[in-house]
């Protein structure tokens, strides 16, 4: 397997200015497009008809998805260009495969986790402006309905093309770099111990961690094109890993913290990350995995350059501290005792099933209240 390299601007401009793409619908956010300088990077030829939709919601929400679908249907583009982070790319992925004539059924299908499409409607190009989720290579998308997270799973969701430009992420705010980058680390670690992992996902996850664990903190504190590029590649590889293995308990429990308290996704994952790693390790004898879970932990120890589970947890807490990712519920304004029941009711059970050790609600409650 060959690792990806940074993209060439000439290749992107050649593709986007192909004569067959006369009408281009661009889904982005104002920060994603202007503050990242994507507006200066892209050179559209004069004969292109462009239509922009600037995302407003912090998280991908069904109400805003409806607005995008309506505008895309009215514009009838030849291609969709997605420029942004995970939320923007998730919107774009769904729009690229959903037939607007069936829009009345969308809410019902999402609530039931039903297949929303059997064919691609529009080709999609993705330009990620964050380094974390690897959404440009995954076959799933997230949508929040009334504050609850739902997943769309469909191989058609994977963008037709993606380009990785470190210049688009180098000037991101430190808070965004911290949250998104930790998501890449978490995805890779969770992929390593997911019951759905295989040799291919294992390869991607290990390569991702080799890059992120050396580049994450420098990318936050002293960003340059080299560490920015490594974080983009790490994110991409983490996305490829979880596209096979899916994520586990830390991700499953993270979504209520985002919807209920407005905590960014990667930060929300970090709140319980090492606690679930510790729980799994202390219950190795209950592992549901077909592989030796203890050996996978040895791999994680080696990648983090630690000797045991205690050192691993300490290393993760150190990384979070250096990245300014607080895991104190009190400092974050969360009354965890009062909120536990509501959080437990919103835990994503699909992701929880991938955890190598079965978790009960009481197990999660104890971890949250520890």
Protein backbone atom coordinates (compact mmCIF):
# COMPACT_ATOMS: atom_id res chain seq x y z
CA UNK A 1 0.00 0.00 0.00
CA UNK A 2 1.23 3.48 -0.88
CA UNK A 3 0.63 6.39 1.45
CA UNK A 4 -1.01 9.44 -0.07
CA UNK A 5 0.92 12.63 -0.74
CA UNK A 6 -0.12 16.26 -0.70
CA UNK A 7 -2.20 17.27 -3.71
CA UNK A 8 -1.12 19.35 -6.67
CA UNK A 9 -3.03 22.58 -7.24
CA UNK A 10 -2.64 22.15 -10.99
CA UNK A 11 -4.44 18.78 -10.83
CA UNK A 12 -7.32 20.30 -8.91
CA UNK A 13 -7.73 23.31 -11.20
CA UNK A 14 -7.57 21.05 -14.26
CA UNK A 15 -10.39 18.90 -12.86
CA UNK A 16 -12.65 21.71 -11.66
CA UNK A 17 -12.30 23.54 -14.98
CA UNK A 18 -13.17 20.51 -17.07
CA UNK A 19 -15.53 21.58 -19.86
CA UNK A 20 -18.23 19.14 -18.75
CA UNK A 21 -18.60 20.95 -15.38
CA UNK A 22 -20.38 24.11 -16.51
CA UNK A 23 -22.46 24.58 -13.33
CA UNK A 24 -20.74 24.14 -9.96
CA UNK A 25 -22.58 24.14 -6.64
CA UNK A 26 -20.20 25.00 -3.80
CA UNK A 27 -21.05 23.98 -0.23
CA UNK A 28 -18.82 25.67 2.32
CA UNK A 29 -18.72 27.95 5.35
CA UNK A 30 -17.56 31.56 5.39
CA UNK A 31 -14.62 30.62 7.63
CA UNK A 32 -13.86 27.58 5.50
CA UNK A 33 -13.86 29.57 2.28
CA UNK A 34 -12.41 32.96 3.18
CA UNK A 35 -10.31 32.53 6.33
CA UNK A 36 -8.66 29.42 4.90
CA UNK A 37 -7.90 31.45 1.75
CA UNK A 38 -9.64 28.84 -0.41
CA UNK A 39 -11.07 31.78 -2.37
CA UNK A 40 -7.53 32.65 -3.44
CA UNK A 41 -6.51 29.04 -4.12
CA UNK A 42 -9.24 28.16 -6.60
CA UNK A 43 -9.16 29.62 -10.08
CA UNK A 44 -12.48 29.12 -11.87
CA UNK A 45 -12.57 29.74 -15.60
CA UNK A 46 -14.87 32.58 -16.72
CA UNK A 47 -17.44 30.33 -18.39
CA UNK A 48 -18.42 28.61 -15.12
CA UNK A 49 -21.77 29.22 -13.45
CA UNK A 50 -21.25 29.14 -9.67
CA UNK A 51 -23.73 28.84 -6.81
CA UNK A 52 -22.59 29.07 -3.17
CA UNK A 53 -24.25 27.76 -0.02
CA UNK A 54 -22.60 28.99 3.17
CA UNK A 55 -23.26 26.69 6.12
CA UNK A 56 -24.65 28.38 9.24
CA UNK A 57 -25.18 25.54 11.73
CA UNK A 58 -22.28 24.47 13.92
CA UNK A 59 -23.25 20.83 13.49
CA UNK A 60 -24.89 19.18 10.43
CA UNK A 61 -28.62 19.56 11.07
CA UNK A 62 -31.57 18.22 9.09
CA UNK A 63 -33.25 21.64 8.84
CA UNK A 64 -30.22 23.12 7.06
CA UNK A 65 -29.79 20.01 4.92
CA UNK A 66 -33.30 20.60 3.56
CA UNK A 67 -32.29 24.13 2.51
CA UNK A 68 -29.21 22.85 0.70
CA UNK A 69 -31.15 20.11 -1.07
CA UNK A 70 -33.72 22.64 -2.28
CA UNK A 71 -31.10 25.03 -3.65
CA UNK A 72 -29.18 22.23 -5.36
CA UNK A 73 -32.38 20.98 -6.98
CA UNK A 74 -33.19 24.47 -8.26
CA UNK A 75 -29.66 25.06 -9.57
CA UNK A 76 -29.17 21.57 -11.06
CA UNK A 77 -25.35 21.55 -11.06
CA UNK A 78 -22.99 19.36 -13.03
CA UNK A 79 -20.83 18.82 -9.94
CA UNK A 80 -20.71 19.66 -6.24
CA UNK A 81 -17.59 21.15 -4.67
CA UNK A 82 -17.30 20.75 -0.90
CA UNK A 83 -14.87 23.05 0.91
CA UNK A 84 -14.87 22.72 4.68
CA UNK A 85 -14.65 20.53 7.74
CA UNK A 86 -16.59 17.43 8.65
CA UNK A 87 -20.02 19.10 8.81
CA UNK A 88 -19.69 20.70 5.37
CA UNK A 89 -18.41 17.50 3.78
CA UNK A 90 -21.16 15.42 5.46
CA UNK A 91 -23.81 17.75 4.02
CA UNK A 92 -22.19 17.51 0.59
CA UNK A 93 -21.97 13.73 0.69
CA UNK A 94 -25.68 13.34 1.43
CA UNK A 95 -26.68 15.92 -1.19
CA UNK A 96 -24.56 14.15 -3.80
CA UNK A 97 -26.59 10.93 -3.54
CA UNK A 98 -30.10 12.03 -2.53
CA UNK A 99 -32.91 12.48 -5.06
CA UNK A 100 -34.83 15.65 -4.12
CA UNK A 101 -38.07 14.14 -5.39
CA UNK A 102 -37.98 11.84 -2.34
CA UNK A 103 -37.35 14.63 0.17
CA UNK A 104 -40.60 13.97 2.04
CA UNK A 105 -39.26 10.53 2.99
CA UNK A 106 -35.82 11.69 4.14
CA UNK A 107 -36.64 12.31 7.79
CA UNK A 108 -38.29 8.91 8.15
CA UNK A 109 -35.41 7.11 6.44
CA UNK A 110 -32.82 8.82 8.64
CA UNK A 111 -34.69 8.01 11.85
CA UNK A 112 -34.90 4.36 10.81
CA UNK A 113 -31.29 4.19 9.56
CA UNK A 114 -32.63 3.13 6.15
CA UNK A 115 -30.73 3.37 2.88
CA UNK A 116 -31.41 6.81 1.39
CA UNK A 117 -30.17 6.15 -2.13
CA UNK A 118 -29.17 3.51 -4.65
CA UNK A 119 -27.34 5.80 -7.07
CA UNK A 120 -25.09 8.84 -7.22
CA UNK A 121 -26.89 12.01 -8.30
CA UNK A 122 -23.99 14.45 -8.57
CA UNK A 123 -20.21 13.90 -8.70
CA UNK A 124 -18.49 15.33 -5.63
CA UNK A 125 -15.09 16.91 -5.02
CA UNK A 126 -14.01 17.41 -1.39
CA UNK A 127 -11.42 19.88 -0.11
CA UNK A 128 -11.06 19.41 3.65
CA UNK A 129 -10.20 22.57 5.59
CA UNK A 130 -9.65 20.74 8.87
CA UNK A 131 -7.39 17.81 9.76
CA UNK A 132 -9.35 15.34 11.83
CA UNK A 133 -12.30 13.30 10.62
CA UNK A 134 -11.04 12.15 7.22
CA UNK A 135 -14.60 12.64 5.97
CA UNK A 136 -13.31 12.86 2.40
CA UNK A 137 -12.72 9.08 2.36
CA UNK A 138 -15.53 7.68 4.54
CA UNK A 139 -18.80 6.08 3.51
CA UNK A 140 -20.84 7.62 6.30
CA UNK A 141 -22.23 11.02 7.20
CA UNK A 142 -23.70 12.52 10.36
CA UNK A 143 -26.98 14.42 10.69
CA UNK A 144 -28.54 15.78 13.88
CA UNK A 145 -32.32 15.62 14.19
CA UNK A 146 -33.79 17.46 17.18
CA UNK A 147 -30.42 17.36 18.90
CA UNK A 148 -29.87 13.61 18.40
CA UNK A 149 -27.14 12.29 16.13
CA UNK A 150 -28.01 9.88 13.30
CA UNK A 151 -25.65 8.17 10.88
CA UNK A 152 -26.07 7.65 7.15
CA UNK A 153 -24.17 4.64 5.83
CA UNK A 154 -23.75 4.19 2.09
CA UNK A 155 -20.70 3.44 -0.06
CA UNK A 156 -21.97 6.02 -2.56
CA UNK A 157 -21.24 8.76 -0.03
CA UNK A 158 -17.49 8.59 -0.64
CA UNK A 159 -16.50 11.67 -2.69
CA UNK A 160 -15.39 11.01 -6.26
CA UNK A 161 -12.29 13.16 -5.77
CA UNK A 162 -10.50 14.80 -2.87
CA UNK A 163 -7.51 17.10 -2.61
CA UNK A 164 -5.36 17.81 0.43
CA UNK A 165 -3.89 21.31 0.60
CA UNK A 166 -1.99 22.12 3.81
CA UNK A 167 -2.33 25.85 3.10
CA UNK A 168 -6.07 25.53 3.82
CA UNK A 169 -5.55 24.38 7.41
CA UNK A 170 -2.32 26.03 8.54
CA UNK A 171 -4.04 29.20 9.85
CA UNK A 172 -6.98 27.50 11.54
CA UNK A 173 -7.69 28.66 15.13
CA UNK A 174 -5.87 26.65 17.79
CA UNK A 175 -9.19 25.44 19.24
CA UNK A 176 -10.17 23.97 15.88
CA UNK A 177 -6.76 22.36 15.37
CA UNK A 178 -6.86 20.85 18.87
CA UNK A 179 -10.33 19.38 18.54
CA UNK A 180 -10.07 18.11 14.96
CA UNK A 181 -6.56 16.76 15.42
CA UNK A 182 -7.50 14.83 18.54
CA UNK A 183 -10.32 13.24 16.56
CA UNK A 184 -7.74 11.83 14.13
CA UNK A 185 -5.77 10.35 17.04
CA UNK A 186 -8.90 8.91 18.66
CA UNK A 187 -10.20 7.42 15.42
CA UNK A 188 -6.95 5.58 14.81
CA UNK A 189 -6.71 4.20 18.35
CA UNK A 190 -10.36 3.17 18.35
CA UNK A 191 -9.89 1.53 14.96
CA UNK A 192 -7.03 -0.57 16.36
CA UNK A 193 -9.30 -2.12 19.02
CA UNK A 194 -12.62 -2.15 17.14
CA UNK A 195 -14.07 -5.64 16.73
CA UNK A 196 -14.48 -4.86 12.99
CA UNK A 197 -10.80 -4.09 12.43
CA UNK A 198 -8.78 -6.08 9.91
CA UNK A 199 -5.25 -6.06 8.47
CA UNK A 200 -5.99 -3.14 6.16
CA UNK A 201 -7.57 -0.92 8.82
CA UNK A 202 -4.74 -1.86 11.18
CA UNK A 203 -2.20 -0.64 8.63
CA UNK A 204 -3.99 2.68 8.07
CA UNK A 205 -4.50 3.28 11.79
CA UNK A 206 -0.87 2.64 12.67
CA UNK A 207 0.44 4.87 9.88
CA UNK A 208 -2.00 7.60 10.91
CA UNK A 209 -0.81 7.50 14.53
CA UNK A 210 2.83 7.55 13.51
CA UNK A 211 2.14 10.89 11.83
CA UNK A 212 -0.30 12.46 14.29
CA UNK A 213 1.58 11.67 17.49
CA UNK A 214 4.65 13.53 16.21
CA UNK A 215 2.82 16.35 14.38
CA UNK A 216 -0.31 17.13 16.41
CA UNK A 217 1.13 19.42 19.09
CA UNK A 218 3.63 21.17 16.75
CA UNK A 219 0.74 21.75 14.31
CA UNK A 220 -1.15 23.54 17.09
CA UNK A 221 1.74 25.51 18.59
CA UNK A 222 4.13 26.11 15.70
CA UNK A 223 2.28 25.32 12.47
CA UNK A 224 4.13 25.05 9.20
CA UNK A 225 3.40 23.46 5.85
CA UNK A 226 5.19 20.24 6.81
CA UNK A 227 3.28 19.45 10.02
CA UNK A 228 0.05 20.73 8.45
CA UNK A 229 0.51 18.31 5.57
CA UNK A 230 1.29 15.43 7.94
CA UNK A 231 -1.89 16.12 9.93
CA UNK A 232 -3.96 16.16 6.74
CA UNK A 233 -2.49 12.80 5.72
CA UNK A 234 -2.96 11.43 9.24
CA UNK A 235 -6.61 12.50 9.16
CA UNK A 236 -7.08 10.91 5.75
CA UNK A 237 -5.54 7.62 6.90
CA UNK A 238 -7.63 7.66 10.09
CA UNK A 239 -10.71 8.10 7.91
CA UNK A 240 -9.69 5.12 5.79
CA UNK A 241 -9.16 3.07 8.95
CA UNK A 242 -12.56 3.80 10.50
CA UNK A 243 -14.28 3.41 7.16
CA UNK A 244 -13.46 -0.28 7.63
CA UNK A 245 -13.49 -0.76 11.39
CA UNK A 246 -15.84 2.04 12.56
CA UNK A 247 -15.32 3.79 15.89
CA UNK A 248 -16.01 2.56 19.43
CA UNK A 249 -17.17 3.76 22.86
CA UNK A 250 -15.47 7.20 23.07
CA UNK A 251 -17.18 8.25 19.84
CA UNK A 252 -20.46 6.63 20.82
CA UNK A 253 -20.61 8.67 24.02
CA UNK A 254 -19.28 11.90 22.49
CA UNK A 255 -22.30 12.91 20.44
CA UNK A 256 -24.59 13.96 23.35
CA UNK A 257 -21.83 16.26 24.62
CA UNK A 258 -21.85 18.03 21.26
CA UNK A 259 -25.62 18.27 20.88
CA UNK A 260 -26.41 19.07 24.53
CA UNK A 261 -23.48 21.29 25.49
CA UNK A 262 -22.11 22.53 22.17
CA UNK A 263 -18.70 20.92 22.63
CA UNK A 264 -16.83 20.43 19.35
CA UNK A 265 -16.65 16.85 18.16
CA UNK A 266 -12.99 15.99 18.75
CA UNK A 267 -13.05 17.70 22.14
CA UNK A 268 -16.19 15.72 23.05
CA UNK A 269 -14.42 12.48 22.12
CA UNK A 270 -11.45 13.42 24.29
CA UNK A 271 -13.62 13.76 27.43
CA UNK A 272 -13.83 10.01 28.02
CA UNK A 273 -11.14 8.72 25.68
CA UNK A 274 -8.53 7.29 28.06
CA UNK A 275 -11.24 6.22 30.52
CA UNK A 276 -12.71 3.81 28.00
CA UNK A 277 -9.24 2.61 27.01
CA UNK A 278 -8.59 1.82 30.66
CA UNK A 279 -11.96 0.07 31.04
CA UNK A 280 -11.28 -2.15 28.02
CA UNK A 281 -7.81 -3.00 29.25
CA UNK A 282 -9.00 -3.90 32.74
CA UNK A 283 -11.56 -6.22 31.14
CA UNK A 284 -9.36 -7.96 28.58
CA UNK A 285 -10.78 -11.31 29.68
CA UNK A 286 -14.21 -10.18 28.46
CA UNK A 287 -13.03 -9.20 24.99
CA UNK A 288 -15.43 -9.94 22.13
CA UNK A 289 -12.77 -9.47 19.46
CA UNK A 290 -11.54 -12.21 17.17
CA UNK A 291 -8.00 -10.89 17.65
CA UNK A 292 -5.86 -10.77 20.77
CA UNK A 293 -6.87 -7.50 22.42
CA UNK A 294 -3.85 -7.52 24.71
CA UNK A 295 -1.55 -7.58 21.68
CA UNK A 296 -3.41 -4.62 20.17
CA UNK A 297 -2.80 -2.69 23.37
CA UNK A 298 0.89 -3.55 23.11
CA UNK A 299 0.82 -2.01 19.63
CA UNK A 300 -0.79 1.14 21.05
CA UNK A 301 1.81 1.29 23.86
CA UNK A 302 4.59 1.08 21.29
CA UNK A 303 3.09 3.82 19.10
CA UNK A 304 2.65 6.14 22.10
CA UNK A 305 6.12 5.16 23.41
CA UNK A 306 4.82 4.03 26.81
CA UNK A 307 5.23 0.80 28.77
CA UNK A 308 1.81 0.13 30.23
CA UNK A 309 -1.81 1.24 30.50
CA UNK A 310 -1.12 3.73 33.28
CA UNK A 311 1.58 5.44 31.27
CA UNK A 312 -0.73 5.46 28.26
CA UNK A 313 -3.49 7.22 30.20
CA UNK A 314 -0.96 9.70 31.58
CA UNK A 315 0.42 10.37 28.08
CA UNK A 316 -3.06 11.00 26.71
CA UNK A 317 -3.88 13.39 29.56
CA UNK A 318 -0.60 15.20 28.88
CA UNK A 319 -1.44 15.52 25.17
CA UNK A 320 -4.90 16.89 26.03
CA UNK A 321 -3.40 19.35 28.52
CA UNK A 322 -0.86 20.58 25.97
CA UNK A 323 -3.63 20.92 23.37
CA UNK A 324 -5.79 22.85 25.87
CA UNK A 325 -8.59 20.24 25.74
CA UNK A 326 -10.15 20.36 29.18
CA UNK A 327 -11.79 17.16 30.38
CA UNK A 328 -13.14 18.71 33.59
CA UNK A 329 -16.92 18.60 33.41
CA UNK A 330 -17.07 21.29 36.10
CA UNK A 331 -14.85 23.69 34.14
CA UNK A 332 -16.90 22.99 31.04
CA UNK A 333 -20.08 23.90 32.91
CA UNK A 334 -21.49 20.37 32.82
CA UNK A 335 -23.32 18.94 35.82
CA UNK A 336 -22.58 15.34 34.96
CA UNK A 337 -24.69 13.85 37.76
CA UNK A 338 -27.76 15.77 36.63
CA UNK A 339 -27.10 15.09 32.94
CA UNK A 340 -26.08 11.41 33.01
CA UNK A 341 -29.51 9.98 32.20
CA UNK A 342 -30.04 12.23 29.20
CA UNK A 343 -26.52 11.54 27.95
CA UNK A 344 -27.02 7.79 28.29
CA UNK A 345 -30.27 7.97 26.32
CA UNK A 346 -28.45 9.63 23.41
CA UNK A 347 -25.43 7.32 23.23
CA UNK A 348 -24.93 6.04 19.69
CA UNK A 349 -25.57 2.30 19.99
CA UNK A 350 -24.17 1.52 16.50
CA UNK A 351 -20.73 2.77 17.52
CA UNK A 352 -20.99 1.23 20.98
CA UNK A 353 -21.41 -2.24 19.45
CA UNK A 354 -17.92 -2.00 17.93
CA UNK A 355 -16.28 -1.71 21.35
CA UNK A 356 -14.18 -4.81 22.14
CA UNK A 357 -15.75 -5.17 25.59
CA UNK A 358 -19.50 -5.04 26.13
CA UNK A 359 -20.63 -1.97 28.05
CA UNK A 360 -23.80 -1.58 30.09
CA UNK A 361 -25.43 1.73 30.93
CA UNK A 362 -24.14 1.36 34.46
CA UNK A 363 -20.59 0.90 33.15
CA UNK A 364 -20.88 4.13 31.16
CA UNK A 365 -22.47 5.95 34.08
CA UNK A 366 -19.56 4.96 36.33
CA UNK A 367 -17.04 6.11 33.73
CA UNK A 368 -18.82 9.46 33.35
CA UNK A 369 -18.99 9.98 37.11
CA UNK A 370 -15.42 8.86 37.82
